[in-house]
């Protein structure tokens, strides 16, 4: 018998790969080797399954981010880059229609995504930027809130709107979207002291 965690993982893997609207409960049941009725014993409807499995994915990402944070303790700028590297890896595994489908057909799940992004950018990344500024790694004249709005909050829209994953590797996107922008905010002393690349 499949565990609930395995069930959620398989569900969200298929929803992100094929789109939440396109991947049907019949297909999911066939892939799991169970009846659709069995699925409905645990979830009232597809909307509940999409929401629960998507929340499972977000919780998994949060745990991965906590590990990054612990490994990079005291190094706020590399932590930001590793966060966005993880984000690009996750986004690259999404079918571009997945987030659009969430927005259109599963607004409650999409709201969870928006809340998650805001929590990451303003609850974590902003504080890393502030710490880096206090450590004289970033220039004092930088408006950190504006940096978050311009460069960090809408990465998913940037990569999917321009179909950037089709033309560029996630490493190139990370370098151009995040690393180069951070490098431009650094104090000359920090840039000179550290060869800032990962």
N, C-alpha and C. Protein backbone atom coordinates (compact mmCIF):
# COMPACT_ATOMS: atom_id res chain seq x y z
N UNK A 1 0.85 -1.20 0.00
CA UNK A 1 0.00 0.00 0.00
C UNK A 1 0.88 1.25 0.00
N UNK A 2 0.54 2.20 -0.79
CA UNK A 2 1.30 3.43 -0.92
C UNK A 2 1.03 4.35 0.28
N UNK A 3 2.07 5.03 0.77
CA UNK A 3 1.89 5.95 1.89
C UNK A 3 1.30 7.27 1.38
N UNK A 4 0.75 8.05 2.30
CA UNK A 4 0.18 9.34 1.91
C UNK A 4 1.26 10.24 1.32
N UNK A 5 2.47 10.22 1.90
CA UNK A 5 3.56 11.05 1.39
C UNK A 5 3.93 10.65 -0.04
N UNK A 6 4.03 9.34 -0.30
CA UNK A 6 4.34 8.88 -1.65
C UNK A 6 3.22 9.27 -2.63
N UNK A 7 1.99 9.18 -2.15
CA UNK A 7 0.83 9.55 -2.96
C UNK A 7 0.89 11.03 -3.34
N UNK A 8 1.16 11.89 -2.35
CA UNK A 8 1.24 13.34 -2.61
C UNK A 8 2.41 13.66 -3.54
N UNK A 9 3.54 12.99 -3.31
CA UNK A 9 4.72 13.23 -4.15
C UNK A 9 4.43 12.85 -5.61
N UNK A 10 3.84 11.70 -5.82
CA UNK A 10 3.52 11.26 -7.18
C UNK A 10 2.48 12.18 -7.81
N UNK A 11 1.50 12.60 -7.02
CA UNK A 11 0.46 13.50 -7.54
C UNK A 11 1.07 14.82 -8.01
N UNK A 12 1.86 15.46 -7.15
CA UNK A 12 2.40 16.77 -7.51
C UNK A 12 3.42 16.65 -8.64
N UNK A 13 4.14 15.55 -8.69
CA UNK A 13 5.08 15.33 -9.80
C UNK A 13 4.34 15.33 -11.13
N UNK A 14 3.21 14.65 -11.17
CA UNK A 14 2.42 14.59 -12.40
C UNK A 14 1.71 15.91 -12.69
N UNK A 15 1.21 16.57 -11.66
CA UNK A 15 0.55 17.86 -11.88
C UNK A 15 1.54 18.89 -12.42
N UNK A 16 2.75 18.91 -11.87
CA UNK A 16 3.73 19.90 -12.34
C UNK A 16 4.26 19.53 -13.73
N UNK A 17 4.33 18.26 -14.04
CA UNK A 17 4.85 17.82 -15.33
C UNK A 17 3.84 18.02 -16.46
N UNK A 18 2.58 17.70 -16.19
CA UNK A 18 1.58 17.72 -17.26
C UNK A 18 0.58 18.88 -17.14
N UNK A 19 0.60 19.57 -16.02
CA UNK A 19 -0.37 20.63 -15.77
C UNK A 19 -1.47 20.11 -14.87
N UNK A 20 -1.87 20.90 -13.90
CA UNK A 20 -2.86 20.44 -12.92
C UNK A 20 -4.22 20.17 -13.56
N UNK A 21 -4.54 20.89 -14.58
CA UNK A 21 -5.83 20.71 -15.26
C UNK A 21 -5.77 19.51 -16.22
N UNK A 22 -4.64 19.32 -16.87
CA UNK A 22 -4.52 18.28 -17.89
C UNK A 22 -4.39 16.87 -17.33
N UNK A 23 -3.76 16.73 -16.17
CA UNK A 23 -3.57 15.40 -15.60
C UNK A 23 -4.81 15.02 -14.81
N UNK A 24 -5.50 13.98 -15.25
CA UNK A 24 -6.80 13.64 -14.68
C UNK A 24 -6.68 12.68 -13.51
N UNK A 25 -7.77 12.59 -12.76
CA UNK A 25 -7.82 11.65 -11.65
C UNK A 25 -7.77 10.21 -12.18
N UNK A 26 -8.33 9.97 -13.35
CA UNK A 26 -8.26 8.63 -13.96
C UNK A 26 -6.81 8.26 -14.25
N UNK A 27 -6.05 9.21 -14.79
CA UNK A 27 -4.63 8.95 -15.08
C UNK A 27 -3.85 8.71 -13.79
N UNK A 28 -4.16 9.48 -12.77
CA UNK A 28 -3.48 9.31 -11.48
C UNK A 28 -3.79 7.94 -10.89
N UNK A 29 -5.05 7.56 -10.92
CA UNK A 29 -5.45 6.25 -10.39
C UNK A 29 -4.74 5.13 -11.15
N UNK A 30 -4.68 5.25 -12.47
CA UNK A 30 -4.01 4.23 -13.28
C UNK A 30 -2.52 4.16 -12.94
N UNK A 31 -1.89 5.30 -12.78
CA UNK A 31 -0.46 5.32 -12.45
C UNK A 31 -0.19 4.71 -11.08
N UNK A 32 -1.10 4.94 -10.15
CA UNK A 32 -0.94 4.40 -8.79
C UNK A 32 -1.38 2.94 -8.69
N UNK A 33 -2.14 2.50 -9.68
CA UNK A 33 -2.65 1.13 -9.64
C UNK A 33 -3.77 0.98 -8.62
N UNK A 34 -4.54 2.04 -8.43
CA UNK A 34 -5.67 2.01 -7.50
C UNK A 34 -6.90 2.56 -8.23
N UNK A 35 -8.04 2.40 -7.60
CA UNK A 35 -9.25 2.94 -8.21
C UNK A 35 -9.40 4.42 -7.88
N UNK A 36 -10.15 5.09 -8.72
CA UNK A 36 -10.44 6.50 -8.48
C UNK A 36 -11.23 6.64 -7.17
N UNK A 37 -12.04 5.66 -6.89
CA UNK A 37 -12.84 5.66 -5.65
C UNK A 37 -11.93 5.71 -4.42
N UNK A 38 -10.82 4.99 -4.49
CA UNK A 38 -9.86 4.99 -3.37
C UNK A 38 -9.29 6.40 -3.17
N UNK A 39 -9.00 7.09 -4.25
CA UNK A 39 -8.50 8.46 -4.14
C UNK A 39 -9.53 9.33 -3.44
N UNK A 40 -10.80 9.17 -3.85
CA UNK A 40 -11.86 10.01 -3.29
C UNK A 40 -12.19 9.66 -1.84
N UNK A 41 -11.69 8.55 -1.34
CA UNK A 41 -11.84 8.25 0.09
C UNK A 41 -10.94 9.16 0.91
N UNK A 42 -9.86 9.66 0.30
CA UNK A 42 -8.90 10.50 1.01
C UNK A 42 -9.03 11.98 0.67
N UNK A 43 -9.55 12.28 -0.51
CA UNK A 43 -9.68 13.67 -0.96
C UNK A 43 -11.08 13.86 -1.53
N UNK A 44 -11.74 14.92 -1.10
CA UNK A 44 -13.12 15.17 -1.52
C UNK A 44 -13.24 15.40 -3.02
N UNK A 45 -12.21 16.04 -3.60
CA UNK A 45 -12.26 16.36 -5.02
C UNK A 45 -10.84 16.65 -5.50
N UNK A 46 -10.73 16.88 -6.79
CA UNK A 46 -9.41 17.14 -7.37
C UNK A 46 -8.81 18.43 -6.82
N UNK A 47 -9.65 19.41 -6.58
CA UNK A 47 -9.16 20.68 -6.04
C UNK A 47 -8.45 20.47 -4.70
N UNK A 48 -9.02 19.66 -3.85
CA UNK A 48 -8.39 19.37 -2.56
C UNK A 48 -7.07 18.64 -2.75
N UNK A 49 -7.03 17.71 -3.70
CA UNK A 49 -5.80 16.97 -3.98
C UNK A 49 -4.71 17.89 -4.53
N UNK A 50 -5.07 18.76 -5.46
CA UNK A 50 -4.10 19.71 -6.02
C UNK A 50 -3.56 20.60 -4.90
N UNK A 51 -4.44 21.13 -4.08
CA UNK A 51 -4.03 22.02 -2.99
C UNK A 51 -3.13 21.29 -2.00
N UNK A 52 -3.52 20.10 -1.58
CA UNK A 52 -2.74 19.34 -0.60
C UNK A 52 -1.39 18.90 -1.16
N UNK A 53 -1.38 18.43 -2.40
CA UNK A 53 -0.11 17.98 -2.98
C UNK A 53 0.81 19.17 -3.25
N UNK A 54 0.24 20.31 -3.63
CA UNK A 54 1.06 21.50 -3.86
C UNK A 54 1.64 22.00 -2.54
N UNK A 55 0.84 21.96 -1.48
CA UNK A 55 1.34 22.35 -0.16
C UNK A 55 2.47 21.41 0.27
N UNK A 56 2.34 20.13 -0.07
CA UNK A 56 3.41 19.16 0.21
C UNK A 56 4.70 19.59 -0.50
N UNK A 57 4.60 19.99 -1.77
CA UNK A 57 5.77 20.46 -2.52
C UNK A 57 6.38 21.69 -1.86
N UNK A 58 5.56 22.65 -1.49
CA UNK A 58 6.07 23.87 -0.86
C UNK A 58 6.76 23.55 0.47
N UNK A 59 6.19 22.64 1.23
CA UNK A 59 6.82 22.24 2.51
C UNK A 59 8.16 21.55 2.27
N UNK A 60 8.24 20.76 1.22
CA UNK A 60 9.51 20.10 0.86
C UNK A 60 10.57 21.14 0.50
N UNK A 61 10.17 22.14 -0.27
CA UNK A 61 11.10 23.22 -0.64
C UNK A 61 11.55 23.98 0.60
N UNK A 62 10.62 24.25 1.51
CA UNK A 62 10.98 24.95 2.76
C UNK A 62 12.03 24.18 3.54
N UNK A 63 11.86 22.85 3.61
CA UNK A 63 12.86 22.03 4.32
C UNK A 63 14.22 22.11 3.63
N UNK A 64 14.23 22.08 2.32
CA UNK A 64 15.49 22.20 1.57
C UNK A 64 16.13 23.56 1.81
N UNK A 65 15.32 24.59 1.90
CA UNK A 65 15.84 25.94 2.15
C UNK A 65 16.42 26.04 3.57
N UNK A 66 15.80 25.38 4.51
CA UNK A 66 16.32 25.36 5.88
C UNK A 66 17.69 24.71 5.91
N UNK A 67 17.87 23.63 5.16
CA UNK A 67 19.19 22.97 5.07
C UNK A 67 20.22 23.92 4.47
N UNK A 68 19.85 24.63 3.42
CA UNK A 68 20.77 25.60 2.79
C UNK A 68 21.16 26.66 3.81
N UNK A 69 20.16 27.16 4.52
CA UNK A 69 20.39 28.21 5.52
C UNK A 69 21.37 27.74 6.59
N UNK A 70 21.21 26.51 7.04
CA UNK A 70 22.10 25.96 8.08
C UNK A 70 23.52 25.79 7.55
N UNK A 71 23.66 25.34 6.31
CA UNK A 71 24.99 25.15 5.73
C UNK A 71 25.69 26.48 5.47
N UNK A 72 24.93 27.51 5.15
CA UNK A 72 25.50 28.81 4.79
C UNK A 72 25.44 29.82 5.94
N UNK A 73 25.28 29.34 7.14
CA UNK A 73 25.15 30.23 8.31
C UNK A 73 26.28 31.26 8.31
N UNK A 74 25.90 32.52 8.40
CA UNK A 74 26.89 33.59 8.41
C UNK A 74 27.32 34.06 7.03
N UNK A 75 26.80 33.44 5.98
CA UNK A 75 27.12 33.82 4.60
C UNK A 75 25.83 34.18 3.86
N UNK A 76 25.30 35.37 4.09
CA UNK A 76 23.98 35.69 3.55
C UNK A 76 23.90 35.73 2.02
N UNK A 77 24.91 36.22 1.34
CA UNK A 77 24.82 36.33 -0.12
C UNK A 77 24.85 34.97 -0.82
N UNK A 78 25.77 34.07 -0.46
CA UNK A 78 25.69 32.73 -1.07
C UNK A 78 24.38 32.02 -0.75
N UNK A 79 23.83 32.28 0.44
CA UNK A 79 22.56 31.67 0.81
C UNK A 79 21.46 32.10 -0.17
N UNK A 80 21.43 33.37 -0.51
CA UNK A 80 20.44 33.88 -1.47
C UNK A 80 20.61 33.17 -2.81
N UNK A 81 21.84 33.05 -3.26
CA UNK A 81 22.08 32.41 -4.55
C UNK A 81 21.66 30.94 -4.53
N UNK A 82 21.96 30.23 -3.46
CA UNK A 82 21.54 28.83 -3.36
C UNK A 82 20.02 28.70 -3.28
N UNK A 83 19.36 29.64 -2.62
CA UNK A 83 17.89 29.65 -2.60
C UNK A 83 17.34 29.74 -4.02
N UNK A 84 17.88 30.67 -4.79
CA UNK A 84 17.37 30.86 -6.14
C UNK A 84 17.81 29.75 -7.09
N UNK A 85 18.93 29.14 -6.82
CA UNK A 85 19.33 27.96 -7.60
C UNK A 85 18.30 26.86 -7.39
N UNK A 86 17.92 26.64 -6.14
CA UNK A 86 16.88 25.66 -5.83
C UNK A 86 15.57 26.03 -6.52
N UNK A 87 15.21 27.31 -6.44
CA UNK A 87 13.98 27.76 -7.08
C UNK A 87 13.97 27.52 -8.58
N UNK A 88 15.09 27.80 -9.24
CA UNK A 88 15.17 27.56 -10.68
C UNK A 88 15.09 26.08 -11.01
N UNK A 89 15.71 25.24 -10.17
CA UNK A 89 15.63 23.79 -10.39
C UNK A 89 14.17 23.33 -10.32
N UNK A 90 13.44 23.84 -9.34
CA UNK A 90 12.03 23.45 -9.19
C UNK A 90 11.22 23.99 -10.37
N UNK A 91 11.40 25.26 -10.70
CA UNK A 91 10.64 25.85 -11.81
C UNK A 91 10.92 25.15 -13.13
N UNK A 92 12.17 24.73 -13.33
CA UNK A 92 12.53 24.06 -14.58
C UNK A 92 11.78 22.73 -14.73
N UNK A 93 11.43 22.11 -13.61
CA UNK A 93 10.71 20.83 -13.68
C UNK A 93 9.21 21.03 -13.92
N UNK A 94 8.74 22.28 -13.86
CA UNK A 94 7.32 22.57 -14.08
C UNK A 94 7.02 22.70 -15.57
N UNK A 95 5.89 22.18 -15.97
CA UNK A 95 5.34 22.50 -17.27
C UNK A 95 4.90 23.96 -17.17
N UNK A 96 5.23 24.80 -18.16
CA UNK A 96 4.84 26.21 -18.06
C UNK A 96 3.35 26.42 -17.81
N UNK A 97 2.53 25.47 -18.22
CA UNK A 97 1.08 25.62 -18.01
C UNK A 97 0.67 25.33 -16.57
N UNK A 98 1.57 24.75 -15.78
CA UNK A 98 1.20 24.38 -14.41
C UNK A 98 0.78 25.59 -13.58
N UNK A 99 1.64 26.61 -13.51
CA UNK A 99 1.31 27.78 -12.69
C UNK A 99 0.12 28.55 -13.27
N UNK A 100 0.04 28.60 -14.60
CA UNK A 100 -1.11 29.25 -15.23
C UNK A 100 -2.40 28.50 -14.85
N UNK A 101 -2.34 27.18 -14.88
CA UNK A 101 -3.50 26.37 -14.50
C UNK A 101 -3.89 26.56 -13.05
N UNK A 102 -2.89 26.68 -12.18
CA UNK A 102 -3.20 26.95 -10.77
C UNK A 102 -3.92 28.29 -10.64
N UNK A 103 -3.39 29.30 -11.31
CA UNK A 103 -3.97 30.64 -11.21
C UNK A 103 -5.42 30.63 -11.70
N UNK A 104 -5.67 29.92 -12.79
CA UNK A 104 -6.99 29.96 -13.42
C UNK A 104 -8.00 29.01 -12.77
N UNK A 105 -7.57 27.78 -12.46
CA UNK A 105 -8.52 26.76 -12.02
C UNK A 105 -8.45 26.43 -10.53
N UNK A 106 -7.31 26.71 -9.91
CA UNK A 106 -7.12 26.38 -8.50
C UNK A 106 -6.57 27.60 -7.76
N UNK A 107 -7.36 28.67 -7.67
CA UNK A 107 -6.85 29.93 -7.11
C UNK A 107 -6.37 29.81 -5.67
N UNK A 108 -6.96 28.90 -4.91
CA UNK A 108 -6.51 28.73 -3.53
C UNK A 108 -5.08 28.20 -3.49
N UNK A 109 -4.76 27.27 -4.37
CA UNK A 109 -3.39 26.74 -4.46
C UNK A 109 -2.45 27.82 -4.98
N UNK A 110 -2.90 28.60 -5.95
CA UNK A 110 -2.05 29.67 -6.48
C UNK A 110 -1.77 30.72 -5.42
N UNK A 111 -2.74 31.01 -4.59
CA UNK A 111 -2.54 31.95 -3.49
C UNK A 111 -1.48 31.42 -2.52
N UNK A 112 -1.47 30.11 -2.30
CA UNK A 112 -0.41 29.50 -1.47
C UNK A 112 0.96 29.75 -2.09
N UNK A 113 1.04 29.65 -3.41
CA UNK A 113 2.30 29.90 -4.11
C UNK A 113 2.74 31.35 -3.94
N UNK A 114 1.80 32.28 -4.12
CA UNK A 114 2.12 33.71 -3.95
C UNK A 114 2.57 33.99 -2.51
N UNK A 115 1.87 33.41 -1.54
CA UNK A 115 2.25 33.58 -0.13
C UNK A 115 3.64 33.01 0.13
N UNK A 116 3.91 31.85 -0.45
CA UNK A 116 5.22 31.22 -0.30
C UNK A 116 6.32 32.12 -0.85
N UNK A 117 6.12 32.65 -2.06
CA UNK A 117 7.12 33.55 -2.66
C UNK A 117 7.35 34.77 -1.78
N UNK A 118 6.27 35.37 -1.30
CA UNK A 118 6.40 36.54 -0.44
C UNK A 118 7.13 36.21 0.85
N UNK A 119 6.82 35.05 1.44
CA UNK A 119 7.50 34.63 2.67
C UNK A 119 8.99 34.44 2.42
N UNK A 120 9.34 33.83 1.29
CA UNK A 120 10.75 33.61 0.98
C UNK A 120 11.46 34.95 0.76
N UNK A 121 10.87 35.79 -0.09
CA UNK A 121 11.55 37.05 -0.44
C UNK A 121 11.60 38.01 0.74
N UNK A 122 10.46 38.22 1.40
CA UNK A 122 10.44 39.22 2.47
C UNK A 122 10.73 38.64 3.85
N UNK A 123 10.49 37.35 4.03
CA UNK A 123 10.76 36.72 5.32
C UNK A 123 12.17 36.20 5.45
N UNK A 124 12.80 35.90 4.34
CA UNK A 124 14.16 35.34 4.38
C UNK A 124 15.16 36.21 3.61
N UNK A 125 14.96 36.32 2.31
CA UNK A 125 15.95 36.97 1.44
C UNK A 125 16.18 38.42 1.85
N UNK A 126 15.12 39.14 2.14
CA UNK A 126 15.28 40.54 2.56
C UNK A 126 16.19 40.63 3.78
N UNK A 127 16.00 39.72 4.73
CA UNK A 127 16.84 39.74 5.94
C UNK A 127 18.29 39.35 5.64
N UNK A 128 18.48 38.45 4.67
CA UNK A 128 19.85 38.13 4.25
C UNK A 128 20.51 39.36 3.64
N UNK A 129 19.76 40.07 2.81
CA UNK A 129 20.29 41.30 2.20
C UNK A 129 20.63 42.33 3.28
N UNK A 130 19.74 42.47 4.25
CA UNK A 130 19.96 43.42 5.35
C UNK A 130 21.22 43.04 6.13
N UNK A 131 21.37 41.75 6.43
CA UNK A 131 22.56 41.27 7.14
C UNK A 131 23.81 41.56 6.31
N UNK A 132 23.75 41.29 5.01
CA UNK A 132 24.90 41.55 4.14
C UNK A 132 25.24 43.04 4.13
N UNK A 133 24.23 43.87 4.17
CA UNK A 133 24.46 45.32 4.22
C UNK A 133 25.13 45.71 5.54
N UNK A 134 24.68 45.12 6.63
CA UNK A 134 25.27 45.40 7.95
C UNK A 134 26.71 44.91 8.04
N UNK A 135 27.00 43.83 7.31
CA UNK A 135 28.36 43.28 7.28
C UNK A 135 29.25 43.99 6.26
N UNK A 136 28.72 45.04 5.65
CA UNK A 136 29.44 45.84 4.65
C UNK A 136 29.78 45.03 3.39
N UNK A 137 28.92 44.05 3.10
CA UNK A 137 29.06 43.29 1.86
C UNK A 137 28.27 43.96 0.73
N UNK A 138 27.19 44.65 1.10
CA UNK A 138 26.39 45.40 0.13
C UNK A 138 26.49 46.88 0.45
N UNK A 139 26.39 47.69 -0.60
CA UNK A 139 26.46 49.14 -0.41
C UNK A 139 25.28 49.62 0.44
N UNK A 140 25.51 50.67 1.20
CA UNK A 140 24.49 51.23 2.09
C UNK A 140 23.38 51.96 1.34
N UNK A 141 23.67 52.43 0.12
CA UNK A 141 22.69 53.24 -0.61
C UNK A 141 21.65 52.40 -1.36
N UNK A 142 21.65 51.11 -1.14
CA UNK A 142 20.74 50.21 -1.85
C UNK A 142 19.39 50.15 -1.11
N UNK A 143 18.31 50.31 -1.85
CA UNK A 143 16.96 50.14 -1.31
C UNK A 143 16.62 48.65 -1.43
N UNK A 144 16.76 47.94 -0.33
CA UNK A 144 16.61 46.48 -0.35
C UNK A 144 15.20 46.04 -0.72
N UNK A 145 14.20 46.79 -0.28
CA UNK A 145 12.82 46.46 -0.64
C UNK A 145 12.60 46.54 -2.15
N UNK A 146 13.19 47.55 -2.76
CA UNK A 146 13.07 47.71 -4.21
C UNK A 146 13.82 46.59 -4.94
N UNK A 147 14.97 46.20 -4.43
CA UNK A 147 15.72 45.07 -5.01
C UNK A 147 14.85 43.82 -5.00
N UNK A 148 14.17 43.59 -3.88
CA UNK A 148 13.30 42.41 -3.78
C UNK A 148 12.18 42.47 -4.81
N UNK A 149 11.57 43.63 -4.98
CA UNK A 149 10.47 43.76 -5.94
C UNK A 149 10.95 43.62 -7.38
N UNK A 150 12.07 44.24 -7.70
CA UNK A 150 12.55 44.26 -9.09
C UNK A 150 13.17 42.94 -9.54
N UNK A 151 13.98 42.34 -8.69
CA UNK A 151 14.80 41.21 -9.13
C UNK A 151 14.39 39.86 -8.56
N UNK A 152 13.77 39.85 -7.39
CA UNK A 152 13.66 38.58 -6.69
C UNK A 152 12.25 38.01 -6.61
N UNK A 153 11.24 38.85 -6.64
CA UNK A 153 9.88 38.39 -6.37
C UNK A 153 9.21 37.73 -7.58
N UNK A 154 9.56 38.09 -8.78
CA UNK A 154 8.84 37.63 -9.97
C UNK A 154 9.68 36.76 -10.91
N UNK A 155 10.60 36.02 -10.34
CA UNK A 155 11.48 35.19 -11.16
C UNK A 155 10.68 34.19 -11.99
N UNK A 156 9.64 33.59 -11.42
CA UNK A 156 8.84 32.61 -12.15
C UNK A 156 8.21 33.23 -13.39
N UNK A 157 7.70 34.45 -13.26
CA UNK A 157 7.08 35.11 -14.40
C UNK A 157 8.11 35.42 -15.48
N UNK A 158 9.29 35.83 -15.07
CA UNK A 158 10.35 36.16 -16.03
C UNK A 158 10.75 34.93 -16.84
N UNK A 159 10.99 33.81 -16.17
CA UNK A 159 11.49 32.63 -16.91
C UNK A 159 10.42 31.98 -17.77
N UNK A 160 9.15 32.02 -17.33
CA UNK A 160 8.10 31.38 -18.12
C UNK A 160 7.56 32.29 -19.22
N UNK A 161 7.46 33.59 -18.96
CA UNK A 161 6.93 34.50 -19.97
C UNK A 161 7.80 34.50 -21.22
N UNK A 162 9.09 34.48 -21.02
CA UNK A 162 10.00 34.47 -22.17
C UNK A 162 10.46 33.09 -22.57
N UNK A 163 9.87 32.02 -22.00
CA UNK A 163 10.28 30.64 -22.28
C UNK A 163 11.80 30.50 -22.16
N UNK A 164 12.37 31.09 -21.15
CA UNK A 164 13.83 31.14 -21.02
C UNK A 164 14.46 29.77 -20.80
N UNK A 165 13.73 28.84 -20.20
CA UNK A 165 14.30 27.50 -19.98
C UNK A 165 14.55 26.78 -21.30
N UNK A 166 13.85 27.18 -22.36
CA UNK A 166 14.07 26.56 -23.67
C UNK A 166 15.40 27.00 -24.28
N UNK A 167 15.84 28.21 -23.96
CA UNK A 167 17.03 28.77 -24.59
C UNK A 167 18.28 28.80 -23.70
N UNK A 168 18.09 28.72 -22.38
CA UNK A 168 19.22 28.88 -21.46
C UNK A 168 19.18 27.82 -20.36
N UNK A 169 20.36 27.46 -19.90
CA UNK A 169 20.44 26.52 -18.78
C UNK A 169 20.08 27.25 -17.49
N UNK A 170 19.74 26.50 -16.47
CA UNK A 170 19.41 27.14 -15.19
C UNK A 170 20.63 27.84 -14.59
N UNK A 171 21.83 27.35 -14.91
CA UNK A 171 23.05 28.00 -14.42
C UNK A 171 23.22 29.39 -15.04
N UNK A 172 22.97 29.49 -16.33
CA UNK A 172 23.07 30.79 -17.02
C UNK A 172 21.99 31.73 -16.50
N UNK A 173 20.79 31.22 -16.30
CA UNK A 173 19.71 32.06 -15.77
C UNK A 173 20.04 32.54 -14.36
N UNK A 174 20.57 31.66 -13.53
CA UNK A 174 20.95 32.04 -12.17
C UNK A 174 22.01 33.14 -12.20
N UNK A 175 22.99 32.97 -13.05
CA UNK A 175 24.07 33.96 -13.16
C UNK A 175 23.51 35.32 -13.58
N UNK A 176 22.63 35.34 -14.56
CA UNK A 176 22.14 36.61 -15.10
C UNK A 176 21.01 37.23 -14.27
N UNK A 177 20.15 36.41 -13.70
CA UNK A 177 19.03 36.95 -12.93
C UNK A 177 19.40 37.32 -11.50
N UNK A 178 20.29 36.55 -10.89
CA UNK A 178 20.55 36.73 -9.46
C UNK A 178 22.00 37.15 -9.19
N UNK A 179 22.95 36.31 -9.57
CA UNK A 179 24.35 36.54 -9.19
C UNK A 179 24.87 37.88 -9.70
N UNK A 180 24.67 38.18 -10.97
CA UNK A 180 25.17 39.45 -11.52
C UNK A 180 24.51 40.65 -10.85
N UNK A 181 23.22 40.54 -10.57
CA UNK A 181 22.54 41.64 -9.89
C UNK A 181 23.08 41.84 -8.48
N UNK A 182 23.32 40.75 -7.77
CA UNK A 182 23.90 40.87 -6.42
C UNK A 182 25.30 41.46 -6.49
N UNK A 183 26.07 41.00 -7.47
CA UNK A 183 27.44 41.51 -7.62
C UNK A 183 27.43 43.03 -7.82
N UNK A 184 26.47 43.52 -8.54
CA UNK A 184 26.36 44.96 -8.77
C UNK A 184 25.99 45.76 -7.53
N UNK A 185 25.47 45.08 -6.51
CA UNK A 185 25.08 45.75 -5.26
C UNK A 185 26.18 45.70 -4.20
N UNK A 186 27.22 44.91 -4.47
CA UNK A 186 28.26 44.69 -3.46
C UNK A 186 29.19 45.88 -3.32
N UNK A 187 29.76 45.97 -2.14
CA UNK A 187 30.78 46.99 -1.91
C UNK A 187 32.04 46.58 -2.67
N UNK A 188 32.82 47.54 -3.16
CA UNK A 188 34.05 47.20 -3.87
C UNK A 188 34.99 46.36 -3.00
N UNK A 189 35.01 46.64 -1.70
CA UNK A 189 35.88 45.89 -0.78
C UNK A 189 35.49 44.41 -0.74
N UNK A 190 34.19 44.15 -0.70
CA UNK A 190 33.74 42.76 -0.64
C UNK A 190 34.04 42.04 -1.95
N UNK A 191 33.81 42.70 -3.06
CA UNK A 191 34.09 42.10 -4.37
C UNK A 191 35.58 41.79 -4.49
N UNK A 192 36.41 42.72 -4.03
CA UNK A 192 37.86 42.54 -4.13
C UNK A 192 38.35 41.43 -3.20
N UNK A 193 37.78 41.36 -2.01
CA UNK A 193 38.23 40.39 -1.01
C UNK A 193 37.82 38.96 -1.38
N UNK A 194 36.63 38.82 -1.95
CA UNK A 194 36.12 37.48 -2.27
C UNK A 194 35.87 37.37 -3.76
N UNK A 195 36.28 36.26 -4.31
CA UNK A 195 35.92 35.96 -5.69
C UNK A 195 34.50 35.44 -5.62
N UNK A 196 33.55 36.29 -5.88
CA UNK A 196 32.15 35.94 -5.63
C UNK A 196 31.57 35.12 -6.77
N UNK A 197 31.71 33.83 -6.66
CA UNK A 197 31.05 32.91 -7.60
C UNK A 197 30.86 31.60 -6.88
N UNK A 198 29.91 30.83 -7.35
CA UNK A 198 29.60 29.55 -6.70
C UNK A 198 29.89 28.40 -7.64
